[in-house]
Amino acid sequence: MPEIISSYPAFEEKFKGAPFLSSKDQRLEALRKYFKKGGVARFASESKDSFPKLAYPSKSRVQQLSQDAKALKELLEKKAKDWRKTNSDAKAYHFKLHAKKFANPLYWKHIGKKIADKDYRKDAETVKLPSELVADKRYKGMVEMFVNNLDYRKQLAETVKSSIVYNNAGTENRLAKYLDQLQDFRQGVSTTQITDLEKKLEELNSDLDMFAVMEKWAD
């Protein structure tokens, strides 16, 4: 049975002196990559006169490895697309909400009450609730409660006034700062994920090139 080879130096040693070792044949580069990834190979011929035929992995095995790589690539591309959307949404978060709030009746109700109701205006200035949150599904309910529920509004305003965190913050809008930090965090995490996925996709593309060469070469 032909010898099993598990490294490129072992391949060079087996075919030492063969002219093809000094060539620029694509099969040599594919073999280097294959061994570097932990692959093993057998060759149908031990002759040094011509490039040896690849006995293992077989053509069907290489095709299967290639299909697995393509499936993984498709999965990673979808993940990368999702993370790019997360990154884009985080960057455009405040701009989108600011534009969308004007189409929301709740925003205009909030503005109208600030103008017409002195007590409401005082509570709104105490809480400093960012008005663009009417366009954010996660916080719209809180804004609705603030606008429409007197007890909730008074409780929230009292909580803000008595909070050490808010008092230490002076006039700073704590919720707005939190939202800024949250979007910065999302941008940071998504950027890291995108970079990592792009590296993996680059490696997979290299693998697919390697398998394409090996598929033509294998028995």
N, C-alpha and C. Protein backbone atom coordinates (compact mmCIF):
# COMPACT_ATOMS: atom_id res chain seq x y z
N MET A 1 0.85 -1.20 0.00
CA MET A 1 0.00 0.00 0.00
C MET A 1 0.88 1.24 0.00
N PRO A 2 0.52 2.26 -0.77
CA PRO A 2 1.31 3.50 -0.80
C PRO A 2 1.43 4.12 0.59
N GLU A 3 2.55 4.75 0.80
CA GLU A 3 2.84 5.38 2.09
C GLU A 3 1.90 6.55 2.35
N ILE A 4 1.47 6.68 3.61
CA ILE A 4 0.65 7.83 4.02
C ILE A 4 1.59 8.97 4.40
N ILE A 5 1.36 10.12 3.85
CA ILE A 5 2.20 11.30 4.10
C ILE A 5 1.34 12.37 4.77
N SER A 6 1.92 12.98 5.82
CA SER A 6 1.13 13.94 6.60
C SER A 6 1.76 15.33 6.70
N SER A 7 2.83 15.58 5.95
CA SER A 7 3.44 16.91 5.97
C SER A 7 4.12 17.19 4.63
N TYR A 8 4.27 18.46 4.32
CA TYR A 8 4.92 18.81 3.07
C TYR A 8 6.41 18.43 3.06
N PRO A 9 7.13 18.63 4.18
CA PRO A 9 8.53 18.17 4.19
C PRO A 9 8.66 16.67 3.92
N ALA A 10 7.70 15.88 4.42
CA ALA A 10 7.74 14.43 4.18
C ALA A 10 7.50 14.14 2.69
N PHE A 11 6.63 14.93 2.07
CA PHE A 11 6.36 14.80 0.64
C PHE A 11 7.64 15.13 -0.15
N GLU A 12 8.33 16.21 0.25
CA GLU A 12 9.57 16.61 -0.43
C GLU A 12 10.64 15.54 -0.26
N GLU A 13 10.69 14.95 0.92
CA GLU A 13 11.70 13.92 1.19
C GLU A 13 11.42 12.68 0.33
N LYS A 14 10.15 12.30 0.23
CA LYS A 14 9.78 11.11 -0.54
C LYS A 14 10.13 11.27 -2.02
N PHE A 15 9.94 12.49 -2.53
CA PHE A 15 10.19 12.72 -3.95
C PHE A 15 11.43 13.61 -4.15
N LYS A 16 12.36 13.47 -3.26
CA LYS A 16 13.58 14.27 -3.29
C LYS A 16 14.30 14.13 -4.64
N GLY A 17 14.63 15.29 -5.22
CA GLY A 17 15.33 15.30 -6.50
C GLY A 17 14.40 15.36 -7.69
N ALA A 18 13.09 15.22 -7.47
CA ALA A 18 12.15 15.25 -8.58
C ALA A 18 12.06 16.67 -9.16
N PRO A 19 12.10 16.83 -10.47
CA PRO A 19 12.06 18.16 -11.08
C PRO A 19 10.80 18.96 -10.73
N PHE A 20 9.68 18.27 -10.53
CA PHE A 20 8.42 19.00 -10.30
C PHE A 20 8.42 19.76 -8.96
N LEU A 21 9.32 19.36 -8.04
CA LEU A 21 9.35 20.04 -6.73
C LEU A 21 9.77 21.50 -6.84
N SER A 22 10.53 21.82 -7.88
CA SER A 22 10.99 23.20 -8.06
C SER A 22 10.11 23.97 -9.05
N SER A 23 9.01 23.38 -9.46
CA SER A 23 8.11 24.04 -10.41
C SER A 23 7.13 24.94 -9.66
N LYS A 24 6.33 25.66 -10.42
CA LYS A 24 5.29 26.52 -9.84
C LYS A 24 3.91 25.89 -10.02
N ASP A 25 3.89 24.59 -10.02
CA ASP A 25 2.64 23.86 -10.20
C ASP A 25 1.66 24.18 -9.07
N GLN A 26 0.40 24.46 -9.42
CA GLN A 26 -0.62 24.79 -8.42
C GLN A 26 -0.84 23.66 -7.42
N ARG A 27 -0.57 22.44 -7.84
CA ARG A 27 -0.77 21.29 -6.95
C ARG A 27 0.17 21.34 -5.75
N LEU A 28 1.35 21.91 -5.93
CA LEU A 28 2.29 22.02 -4.81
C LEU A 28 1.75 22.97 -3.74
N GLU A 29 1.24 24.11 -4.17
CA GLU A 29 0.69 25.07 -3.23
C GLU A 29 -0.55 24.50 -2.55
N ALA A 30 -1.38 23.80 -3.31
CA ALA A 30 -2.57 23.18 -2.73
C ALA A 30 -2.17 22.14 -1.69
N LEU A 31 -1.12 21.41 -1.98
CA LEU A 31 -0.65 20.38 -1.06
C LEU A 31 -0.10 21.00 0.23
N ARG A 32 0.62 22.11 0.09
CA ARG A 32 1.13 22.81 1.27
C ARG A 32 -0.03 23.22 2.19
N LYS A 33 -1.06 23.81 1.60
CA LYS A 33 -2.23 24.25 2.37
C LYS A 33 -2.93 23.06 3.01
N TYR A 34 -3.07 22.00 2.25
CA TYR A 34 -3.77 20.81 2.73
C TYR A 34 -3.06 20.20 3.93
N PHE A 35 -1.75 20.05 3.84
CA PHE A 35 -0.99 19.50 4.96
C PHE A 35 -1.02 20.45 6.17
N LYS A 36 -0.97 21.74 5.91
CA LYS A 36 -0.98 22.74 6.99
C LYS A 36 -2.27 22.66 7.78
N LYS A 37 -3.34 22.24 7.11
CA LYS A 37 -4.63 22.11 7.78
C LYS A 37 -4.81 20.75 8.44
N GLY A 38 -3.76 19.95 8.44
CA GLY A 38 -3.81 18.66 9.13
C GLY A 38 -4.20 17.49 8.25
N GLY A 39 -4.23 17.68 6.95
CA GLY A 39 -4.62 16.61 6.05
C GLY A 39 -3.53 15.58 5.85
N VAL A 40 -3.93 14.40 5.42
CA VAL A 40 -2.97 13.34 5.07
C VAL A 40 -3.23 12.93 3.62
N ALA A 41 -2.19 12.36 2.97
CA ALA A 41 -2.33 12.03 1.55
C ALA A 41 -1.57 10.75 1.21
N ARG A 42 -2.03 10.11 0.15
CA ARG A 42 -1.31 8.98 -0.44
C ARG A 42 -1.22 9.25 -1.93
N PHE A 43 -0.16 8.73 -2.53
CA PHE A 43 0.06 8.97 -3.96
C PHE A 43 0.14 7.64 -4.70
N ALA A 44 -0.48 7.62 -5.88
CA ALA A 44 -0.59 6.37 -6.64
C ALA A 44 0.74 5.94 -7.24
N SER A 45 1.67 6.88 -7.39
CA SER A 45 2.96 6.56 -8.01
C SER A 45 4.09 7.12 -7.17
N GLU A 46 5.21 6.43 -7.14
CA GLU A 46 6.38 6.91 -6.42
C GLU A 46 7.48 7.33 -7.38
N SER A 47 7.14 7.38 -8.64
CA SER A 47 8.11 7.79 -9.65
C SER A 47 8.44 9.27 -9.50
N LYS A 48 9.69 9.61 -9.72
CA LYS A 48 10.12 11.01 -9.63
C LYS A 48 10.16 11.68 -11.01
N ASP A 49 9.76 10.94 -12.01
CA ASP A 49 9.83 11.46 -13.36
C ASP A 49 8.65 12.39 -13.69
N SER A 50 7.51 12.15 -13.08
CA SER A 50 6.33 12.98 -13.35
C SER A 50 5.55 13.20 -12.05
N PHE A 51 4.69 14.18 -12.07
CA PHE A 51 3.94 14.52 -10.87
C PHE A 51 3.08 13.31 -10.46
N PRO A 52 3.16 12.89 -9.21
CA PRO A 52 2.43 11.69 -8.79
C PRO A 52 0.92 11.94 -8.73
N LYS A 53 0.15 10.94 -9.09
CA LYS A 53 -1.30 11.05 -9.03
C LYS A 53 -1.74 10.95 -7.57
N LEU A 54 -2.74 11.75 -7.21
CA LEU A 54 -3.23 11.76 -5.84
C LEU A 54 -4.24 10.62 -5.65
N ALA A 55 -3.88 9.67 -4.77
CA ALA A 55 -4.75 8.52 -4.51
C ALA A 55 -5.71 8.79 -3.36
N TYR A 56 -5.21 9.52 -2.36
CA TYR A 56 -6.06 9.93 -1.24
C TYR A 56 -5.67 11.34 -0.82
N PRO A 57 -6.62 12.23 -0.59
CA PRO A 57 -8.06 11.99 -0.67
C PRO A 57 -8.53 11.76 -2.10
N SER A 58 -9.54 10.91 -2.24
CA SER A 58 -10.09 10.61 -3.57
C SER A 58 -10.87 11.81 -4.09
N LYS A 59 -11.23 11.75 -5.37
CA LYS A 59 -12.01 12.84 -5.96
C LYS A 59 -13.32 13.06 -5.21
N SER A 60 -14.00 11.94 -4.86
CA SER A 60 -15.28 12.06 -4.15
C SER A 60 -15.09 12.67 -2.76
N ARG A 61 -13.98 12.32 -2.12
CA ARG A 61 -13.70 12.88 -0.79
C ARG A 61 -13.41 14.37 -0.89
N VAL A 62 -12.65 14.76 -1.88
CA VAL A 62 -12.35 16.19 -2.08
C VAL A 62 -13.63 16.95 -2.38
N GLN A 63 -14.50 16.37 -3.19
CA GLN A 63 -15.77 17.02 -3.52
C GLN A 63 -16.62 17.22 -2.26
N GLN A 64 -16.61 16.23 -1.37
CA GLN A 64 -17.37 16.34 -0.13
C GLN A 64 -16.80 17.44 0.76
N LEU A 65 -15.48 17.48 0.86
CA LEU A 65 -14.83 18.53 1.65
C LEU A 65 -15.14 19.91 1.09
N SER A 66 -15.17 20.00 -0.23
CA SER A 66 -15.48 21.26 -0.88
C SER A 66 -16.93 21.68 -0.60
N GLN A 67 -17.86 20.73 -0.65
CA GLN A 67 -19.26 21.02 -0.37
C GLN A 67 -19.44 21.48 1.07
N ASP A 68 -18.72 20.85 1.99
CA ASP A 68 -18.79 21.25 3.40
C ASP A 68 -18.29 22.68 3.58
N ALA A 69 -17.22 23.00 2.89
CA ALA A 69 -16.65 24.35 2.97
C ALA A 69 -17.62 25.38 2.38
N LYS A 70 -18.28 25.02 1.28
CA LYS A 70 -19.25 25.94 0.67
C LYS A 70 -20.44 26.18 1.58
N ALA A 71 -20.90 25.12 2.27
CA ALA A 71 -22.03 25.25 3.19
C ALA A 71 -21.66 26.16 4.36
N LEU A 72 -20.44 25.96 4.88
CA LEU A 72 -19.97 26.80 5.99
C LEU A 72 -19.81 28.24 5.54
N LYS A 73 -19.31 28.43 4.32
CA LYS A 73 -19.15 29.78 3.78
C LYS A 73 -20.50 30.49 3.69
N GLU A 74 -21.51 29.78 3.23
CA GLU A 74 -22.85 30.36 3.11
C GLU A 74 -23.38 30.79 4.48
N LEU A 75 -23.15 29.94 5.48
CA LEU A 75 -23.58 30.24 6.84
C LEU A 75 -22.87 31.47 7.39
N LEU A 76 -21.56 31.54 7.20
CA LEU A 76 -20.78 32.66 7.72
C LEU A 76 -21.11 33.96 6.98
N GLU A 77 -21.40 33.85 5.70
CA GLU A 77 -21.78 35.05 4.94
C GLU A 77 -23.09 35.62 5.47
N LYS A 78 -24.02 34.74 5.85
CA LYS A 78 -25.30 35.19 6.42
C LYS A 78 -25.05 35.88 7.76
N LYS A 79 -24.18 35.28 8.57
CA LYS A 79 -23.86 35.88 9.87
C LYS A 79 -23.21 37.25 9.69
N ALA A 80 -22.29 37.32 8.73
CA ALA A 80 -21.60 38.59 8.47
C ALA A 80 -22.60 39.65 8.02
N LYS A 81 -23.56 39.26 7.18
CA LYS A 81 -24.58 40.19 6.71
C LYS A 81 -25.41 40.71 7.89
N ASP A 82 -25.77 39.81 8.80
CA ASP A 82 -26.56 40.20 9.97
C ASP A 82 -25.78 41.16 10.87
N TRP A 83 -24.48 40.88 11.06
CA TRP A 83 -23.66 41.75 11.91
C TRP A 83 -23.44 43.11 11.25
N ARG A 84 -23.34 43.14 9.92
CA ARG A 84 -23.20 44.42 9.23
C ARG A 84 -24.47 45.26 9.40
N LYS A 85 -25.61 44.60 9.39
CA LYS A 85 -26.87 45.32 9.62
C LYS A 85 -26.92 45.86 11.04
N THR A 86 -26.49 45.05 12.01
CA THR A 86 -26.44 45.51 13.39
C THR A 86 -25.53 46.73 13.52
N ASN A 87 -24.39 46.66 12.86
CA ASN A 87 -23.44 47.77 12.90
C ASN A 87 -24.03 49.02 12.26
N SER A 88 -24.66 48.84 11.10
CA SER A 88 -25.26 49.97 10.40
C SER A 88 -26.40 50.58 11.20
N ASP A 89 -27.23 49.72 11.80
CA ASP A 89 -28.35 50.20 12.61
C ASP A 89 -27.86 50.98 13.83
N ALA A 90 -26.78 50.51 14.44
CA ALA A 90 -26.24 51.20 15.62
C ALA A 90 -25.72 52.59 15.24
N LYS A 91 -25.05 52.67 14.10
CA LYS A 91 -24.52 53.96 13.64
C LYS A 91 -25.63 54.96 13.32
N ALA A 92 -26.72 54.43 12.76
CA ALA A 92 -27.81 55.31 12.31
C ALA A 92 -28.94 55.42 13.33
N TYR A 93 -28.76 54.85 14.52
CA TYR A 93 -29.83 54.75 15.52
C TYR A 93 -30.50 56.09 15.79
N HIS A 94 -29.74 57.07 16.24
CA HIS A 94 -30.32 58.36 16.62
C HIS A 94 -30.91 59.10 15.42
N PHE A 95 -30.23 59.03 14.30
CA PHE A 95 -30.72 59.71 13.10
C PHE A 95 -32.08 59.15 12.67
N LYS A 96 -32.20 57.82 12.67
CA LYS A 96 -33.45 57.19 12.24
C LYS A 96 -34.59 57.53 13.19
N LEU A 97 -34.31 57.44 14.49
CA LEU A 97 -35.36 57.74 15.46
C LEU A 97 -35.81 59.19 15.36
N HIS A 98 -34.84 60.08 15.20
CA HIS A 98 -35.15 61.50 15.09
C HIS A 98 -36.07 61.76 13.89
N ALA A 99 -35.80 61.09 12.77
CA ALA A 99 -36.61 61.28 11.57
C ALA A 99 -37.99 60.64 11.72
N LYS A 100 -38.05 59.47 12.38
CA LYS A 100 -39.30 58.73 12.49
C LYS A 100 -40.25 59.31 13.53
N LYS A 101 -39.71 60.02 14.51
CA LYS A 101 -40.58 60.49 15.61
C LYS A 101 -41.63 61.48 15.12
N PHE A 102 -41.30 62.24 14.07
CA PHE A 102 -42.23 63.26 13.58
C PHE A 102 -43.51 62.67 12.98
N ALA A 103 -43.45 61.39 12.62
CA ALA A 103 -44.62 60.72 12.06
C ALA A 103 -45.44 60.02 13.14
N ASN A 104 -45.00 60.12 14.38
CA ASN A 104 -45.68 59.43 15.48
C ASN A 104 -46.57 60.40 16.26
N PRO A 105 -47.86 60.14 16.34
CA PRO A 105 -48.78 61.02 17.07
C PRO A 105 -48.40 61.20 18.54
N LEU A 106 -47.79 60.18 19.11
CA LEU A 106 -47.40 60.26 20.52
C LEU A 106 -46.38 61.38 20.75
N TYR A 107 -45.49 61.56 19.78
CA TYR A 107 -44.50 62.63 19.90
C TYR A 107 -45.18 63.99 19.97
N TRP A 108 -46.15 64.21 19.09
CA TRP A 108 -46.83 65.52 19.05
C TRP A 108 -47.70 65.72 20.28
N LYS A 109 -48.24 64.63 20.83
CA LYS A 109 -48.99 64.74 22.07
C LYS A 109 -48.07 65.16 23.21
N HIS A 110 -46.88 64.58 23.24
CA HIS A 110 -45.87 64.92 24.24
C HIS A 110 -45.48 66.40 24.11
N ILE A 111 -45.23 66.86 22.89
CA ILE A 111 -44.86 68.25 22.66
C ILE A 111 -45.99 69.19 23.06
N GLY A 112 -47.22 68.81 22.69
CA GLY A 112 -48.37 69.65 23.02
C GLY A 112 -48.56 69.79 24.53
N LYS A 113 -48.37 68.71 25.25
CA LYS A 113 -48.54 68.76 26.71
C LYS A 113 -47.41 69.55 27.37
N LYS A 114 -46.22 69.48 26.79
CA LYS A 114 -45.12 70.29 27.33
C LYS A 114 -45.40 71.78 27.19
N ILE A 115 -46.07 72.14 26.11
CA ILE A 115 -46.38 73.54 25.86
C ILE A 115 -47.55 74.01 26.73
N ALA A 116 -48.59 73.19 26.81
CA ALA A 116 -49.83 73.62 27.45
C ALA A 116 -49.93 73.32 28.94
N ASP A 117 -49.18 72.33 29.41
CA ASP A 117 -49.33 71.88 30.81
C ASP A 117 -48.03 72.15 31.57
N LYS A 118 -48.07 73.13 32.47
CA LYS A 118 -46.89 73.53 33.22
C LYS A 118 -46.36 72.40 34.09
N ASP A 119 -47.26 71.66 34.72
CA ASP A 119 -46.86 70.56 35.60
C ASP A 119 -46.20 69.44 34.78
N TYR A 120 -46.79 69.14 33.63
CA TYR A 120 -46.22 68.12 32.74
C TYR A 120 -44.83 68.54 32.28
N ARG A 121 -44.71 69.83 31.90
CA ARG A 121 -43.42 70.34 31.44
C ARG A 121 -42.35 70.20 32.51
N LYS A 122 -42.73 70.45 33.77
CA LYS A 122 -41.79 70.34 34.88
C LYS A 122 -41.31 68.90 35.04
N ASP A 123 -42.25 67.95 34.96
CA ASP A 123 -41.87 66.53 35.07
C ASP A 123 -41.00 66.09 33.90
N ALA A 124 -41.34 66.59 32.70
CA ALA A 124 -40.57 66.23 31.51
C ALA A 124 -39.14 66.75 31.62
N GLU A 125 -38.98 67.96 32.16
CA GLU A 125 -37.65 68.54 32.32
C GLU A 125 -36.86 67.81 33.40
N THR A 126 -37.55 67.29 34.40
CA THR A 126 -36.89 66.53 35.46
C THR A 126 -36.38 65.19 34.94
N VAL A 127 -37.25 64.49 34.23
CA VAL A 127 -36.89 63.14 33.74
C VAL A 127 -35.96 63.21 32.54
N LYS A 128 -36.11 64.26 31.73
CA LYS A 128 -35.32 64.41 30.50
C LYS A 128 -35.45 63.17 29.61
N LEU A 129 -36.67 62.74 29.40
CA LEU A 129 -36.95 61.58 28.57
C LEU A 129 -36.71 61.94 27.11
N PRO A 130 -35.77 61.26 26.42
CA PRO A 130 -35.52 61.58 25.00
C PRO A 130 -36.77 61.36 24.17
N SER A 131 -37.26 62.41 23.52
CA SER A 131 -38.52 62.31 22.79
C SER A 131 -38.47 61.34 21.62
N GLU A 132 -37.26 61.08 21.08
CA GLU A 132 -37.17 60.18 19.93
C GLU A 132 -37.47 58.73 20.30
N LEU A 133 -37.57 58.45 21.61
CA LEU A 133 -37.86 57.07 22.03
C LEU A 133 -39.26 56.63 21.63
N VAL A 134 -40.11 57.57 21.23
CA VAL A 134 -41.44 57.18 20.74
C VAL A 134 -41.32 56.31 19.49
N ALA A 135 -40.19 56.40 18.79
CA ALA A 135 -39.97 55.64 17.56
C ALA A 135 -39.20 54.34 17.80
N ASP A 136 -38.86 54.06 19.06
CA ASP A 136 -38.13 52.84 19.41
C ASP A 136 -39.11 51.88 20.09
N LYS A 137 -39.35 50.73 19.47
CA LYS A 137 -40.33 49.77 19.98
C LYS A 137 -40.03 49.34 21.41
N ARG A 138 -38.75 49.30 21.76
CA ARG A 138 -38.39 48.83 23.10
C ARG A 138 -38.75 49.83 24.19
N TYR A 139 -38.81 51.11 23.85
CA TYR A 139 -39.04 52.14 24.86
C TYR A 139 -40.34 52.92 24.64
N LYS A 140 -41.05 52.63 23.57
CA LYS A 140 -42.28 53.37 23.27
C LYS A 140 -43.29 53.25 24.40
N GLY A 141 -43.40 52.05 24.98
CA GLY A 141 -44.34 51.84 26.07
C GLY A 141 -44.06 52.73 27.26
N MET A 142 -42.78 52.93 27.56
CA MET A 142 -42.40 53.79 28.68
C MET A 142 -42.82 55.24 28.40
N VAL A 143 -42.64 55.68 27.16
CA VAL A 143 -43.02 57.04 26.78
C VAL A 143 -44.54 57.18 26.85
N GLU A 144 -45.26 56.16 26.37
CA GLU A 144 -46.72 56.20 26.42
C GLU A 144 -47.22 56.33 27.87
N MET A 145 -46.59 55.59 28.78
CA MET A 145 -46.96 55.67 30.19
C MET A 145 -46.67 57.06 30.74
N PHE A 146 -45.55 57.60 30.37
CA PHE A 146 -45.17 58.93 30.86
C PHE A 146 -46.16 60.00 30.36
N VAL A 147 -46.56 59.90 29.11
CA VAL A 147 -47.47 60.90 28.52
C VAL A 147 -48.89 60.74 29.05
N ASN A 148 -49.34 59.51 29.22
CA ASN A 148 -50.76 59.26 29.48
C ASN A 148 -51.11 58.90 30.92
N ASN A 149 -50.12 58.51 31.71
CA ASN A 149 -50.41 58.04 33.07
C ASN A 149 -49.79 58.99 34.09
N LEU A 150 -50.64 59.77 34.78
CA LEU A 150 -50.15 60.77 35.73
C LEU A 150 -49.37 60.13 36.87
N ASP A 151 -49.88 59.03 37.42
CA ASP A 151 -49.21 58.37 38.54
C ASP A 151 -47.82 57.88 38.15
N TYR A 152 -47.75 57.29 36.98
CA TYR A 152 -46.45 56.80 36.50
C TYR A 152 -45.48 57.95 36.33
N ARG A 153 -45.97 59.03 35.73
CA ARG A 153 -45.10 60.19 35.48
C ARG A 153 -44.56 60.77 36.78
N LYS A 154 -45.44 60.91 37.77
CA LYS A 154 -45.03 61.48 39.05
C LYS A 154 -44.03 60.55 39.76
N GLN A 155 -44.28 59.26 39.68
CA GLN A 155 -43.39 58.28 40.31
C GLN A 155 -42.01 58.31 39.66
N LEU A 156 -42.00 58.39 38.33
CA LEU A 156 -40.72 58.43 37.60
C LEU A 156 -39.97 59.72 37.91
N ALA A 157 -40.68 60.83 37.95
CA ALA A 157 -40.05 62.11 38.24
C ALA A 157 -39.48 62.12 39.66
N GLU A 158 -40.22 61.54 40.61
CA GLU A 158 -39.75 61.49 41.99
C GLU A 158 -38.54 60.57 42.11
N THR A 159 -38.57 59.47 41.38
CA THR A 159 -37.43 58.54 41.39
C THR A 159 -36.17 59.22 40.87
N VAL A 160 -36.33 59.99 39.81
CA VAL A 160 -35.20 60.72 39.23
C VAL A 160 -34.65 61.75 40.20
N LYS A 161 -35.55 62.50 40.84
CA LYS A 161 -35.13 63.55 41.77
C LYS A 161 -34.41 63.00 42.99
N SER A 162 -34.82 61.83 43.46
CA SER A 162 -34.24 61.25 44.68
C SER A 162 -33.07 60.31 44.41
N SER A 163 -32.79 60.06 43.12
CA SER A 163 -31.73 59.12 42.77
C SER A 163 -30.35 59.75 42.92
N ILE A 164 -29.48 59.06 43.64
CA ILE A 164 -28.10 59.53 43.80
C ILE A 164 -27.40 59.58 42.46
N VAL A 165 -27.67 58.58 41.63
CA VAL A 165 -27.04 58.52 40.31
C VAL A 165 -27.40 59.75 39.49
N TYR A 166 -28.69 60.05 39.46
CA TYR A 166 -29.13 61.21 38.69
C TYR A 166 -28.64 62.52 39.31
N ASN A 167 -28.67 62.60 40.62
CA ASN A 167 -28.21 63.82 41.28
C ASN A 167 -26.74 64.08 41.02
N ASN A 168 -25.95 63.01 41.04
CA ASN A 168 -24.52 63.16 40.77
C ASN A 168 -24.26 63.52 39.32
N ALA A 169 -25.21 63.21 38.45
CA ALA A 169 -25.03 63.47 37.03
C ALA A 169 -25.37 64.91 36.66
N GLY A 170 -25.92 65.68 37.59
CA GLY A 170 -26.28 67.05 37.29
C GLY A 170 -27.37 67.10 36.25
N THR A 171 -27.17 67.87 35.19
CA THR A 171 -28.19 68.02 34.15
C THR A 171 -28.03 66.98 33.04
N GLU A 172 -27.11 66.09 33.21
CA GLU A 172 -26.86 65.09 32.18
C GLU A 172 -28.06 64.16 32.03
N ASN A 173 -28.43 63.84 30.82
CA ASN A 173 -29.52 62.92 30.54
C ASN A 173 -28.99 61.50 30.62
N ARG A 174 -29.28 60.82 31.73
CA ARG A 174 -28.71 59.49 31.96
C ARG A 174 -29.21 58.47 30.94
N LEU A 175 -30.50 58.54 30.62
CA LEU A 175 -31.04 57.59 29.67
C LEU A 175 -30.43 57.80 28.29
N ALA A 176 -30.29 59.05 27.88
CA ALA A 176 -29.69 59.34 26.58
C ALA A 176 -28.25 58.84 26.54
N LYS A 177 -27.52 59.03 27.65
CA LYS A 177 -26.13 58.56 27.70
C LYS A 177 -26.09 57.04 27.62
N TYR A 178 -27.02 56.40 28.33
CA TYR A 178 -27.08 54.94 28.28
C TYR A 178 -27.30 54.45 26.86
N LEU A 179 -28.23 55.09 26.14
CA LEU A 179 -28.51 54.70 24.76
C LEU A 179 -27.29 54.91 23.86
N ASP A 180 -26.57 56.00 24.10
CA ASP A 180 -25.33 56.24 23.34
C ASP A 180 -24.33 55.12 23.60
N GLN A 181 -24.17 54.76 24.88
CA GLN A 181 -23.22 53.71 25.24
C GLN A 181 -23.65 52.36 24.67
N LEU A 182 -24.96 52.14 24.67
CA LEU A 182 -25.47 50.88 24.13
C LEU A 182 -25.17 50.77 22.64
N GLN A 183 -25.37 51.85 21.90
CA GLN A 183 -25.09 51.83 20.46
C GLN A 183 -23.59 51.70 20.19
N ASP A 184 -22.78 52.36 21.02
CA ASP A 184 -21.32 52.23 20.89
C ASP A 184 -20.90 50.78 21.13
N PHE A 185 -21.52 50.16 22.14
CA PHE A 185 -21.22 48.75 22.45
C PHE A 185 -21.60 47.85 21.26
N ARG A 186 -22.78 48.09 20.70
CA ARG A 186 -23.22 47.29 19.55
C ARG A 186 -22.29 47.47 18.36
N GLN A 187 -21.85 48.69 18.16
CA GLN A 187 -20.91 48.93 17.05
C GLN A 187 -19.61 48.18 17.29
N GLY A 188 -19.12 48.24 18.53
CA GLY A 188 -17.86 47.58 18.85
C GLY A 188 -17.94 46.08 18.69
N VAL A 189 -19.01 45.48 19.24
CA VAL A 189 -19.18 44.03 19.15
C VAL A 189 -19.35 43.60 17.69
N SER A 190 -20.19 44.31 16.95
CA SER A 190 -20.44 43.94 15.56
C SER A 190 -19.20 44.11 14.70
N THR A 191 -18.41 45.15 14.96
CA THR A 191 -17.17 45.35 14.20
C THR A 191 -16.21 44.19 14.44
N THR A 192 -16.09 43.76 15.70
CA THR A 192 -15.23 42.62 16.04
C THR A 192 -15.70 41.35 15.34
N GLN A 193 -17.01 41.12 15.39
CA GLN A 193 -17.58 39.93 14.75
C GLN A 193 -17.37 39.95 13.23
N ILE A 194 -17.57 41.11 12.63
CA ILE A 194 -17.40 41.23 11.18
C ILE A 194 -15.96 40.94 10.78
N THR A 195 -15.01 41.50 11.54
CA THR A 195 -13.59 41.28 11.26
C THR A 195 -13.24 39.81 11.35
N ASP A 196 -13.74 39.15 12.42
CA ASP A 196 -13.47 37.73 12.62
C ASP A 196 -14.08 36.89 11.50
N LEU A 197 -15.31 37.20 11.12
CA LEU A 197 -15.98 36.44 10.06
C LEU A 197 -15.31 36.66 8.70
N GLU A 198 -14.85 37.86 8.45
CA GLU A 198 -14.17 38.13 7.18
C GLU A 198 -12.87 37.33 7.07
N LYS A 199 -12.16 37.19 8.19
CA LYS A 199 -10.94 36.37 8.20
C LYS A 199 -11.27 34.90 7.91
N LYS A 200 -12.35 34.41 8.53
CA LYS A 200 -12.75 33.02 8.31
C LYS A 200 -13.21 32.80 6.87
N LEU A 201 -13.91 33.78 6.31
CA LEU A 201 -14.36 33.67 4.92
C LEU A 201 -13.19 33.70 3.95
N GLU A 202 -12.20 34.52 4.27
CA GLU A 202 -10.98 34.57 3.43
C GLU A 202 -10.29 33.21 3.44
N GLU A 203 -10.24 32.59 4.62
CA GLU A 203 -9.61 31.26 4.75
C GLU A 203 -10.43 30.22 3.98
N LEU A 204 -11.76 30.31 4.06
CA LEU A 204 -12.61 29.36 3.34
C LEU A 204 -12.46 29.51 1.82
N ASN A 205 -12.33 30.73 1.35
CA ASN A 205 -12.11 30.95 -0.09
C ASN A 205 -10.80 30.32 -0.53
N SER A 206 -9.79 30.44 0.34
CA SER A 206 -8.50 29.82 0.05
C SER A 206 -8.64 28.30 0.02
N ASP A 207 -9.44 27.75 0.95
CA ASP A 207 -9.68 26.31 0.99
C ASP A 207 -10.39 25.84 -0.28
N LEU A 208 -11.36 26.61 -0.73
CA LEU A 208 -12.11 26.23 -1.93
C LEU A 208 -11.21 26.24 -3.17
N ASP A 209 -10.29 27.18 -3.22
CA ASP A 209 -9.30 27.18 -4.32
C ASP A 209 -8.44 25.92 -4.25
N MET A 210 -8.04 25.56 -3.03
CA MET A 210 -7.22 24.36 -2.82
C MET A 210 -7.98 23.11 -3.26
N PHE A 211 -9.25 22.99 -2.85
CA PHE A 211 -10.04 21.82 -3.21
C PHE A 211 -10.28 21.75 -4.72
N ALA A 212 -10.43 22.90 -5.36
CA ALA A 212 -10.65 22.91 -6.81
C ALA A 212 -9.45 22.30 -7.54
N VAL A 213 -8.23 22.63 -7.07
CA VAL A 213 -7.02 22.07 -7.66
C VAL A 213 -6.94 20.58 -7.37
N MET A 214 -7.22 20.21 -6.13
CA MET A 214 -7.09 18.80 -5.73
C MET A 214 -8.14 17.92 -6.41
N GLU A 215 -9.31 18.48 -6.68
CA GLU A 215 -10.35 17.70 -7.34
C GLU A 215 -9.95 17.30 -8.75
N LYS A 216 -9.29 18.20 -9.45
CA LYS A 216 -8.80 17.91 -10.81
C LYS A 216 -7.65 16.90 -10.77
N TRP A 217 -6.93 16.93 -9.66
CA TRP A 217 -5.72 16.11 -9.53
C TRP A 217 -6.03 14.68 -9.08
N ALA A 218 -7.05 14.54 -8.22
CA ALA A 218 -7.31 13.26 -7.56
C ALA A 218 -7.92 12.24 -8.49
N ASP A 219 -7.70 10.94 -8.16
CA ASP A 219 -8.31 9.85 -8.91
C ASP A 219 -9.80 9.77 -8.55
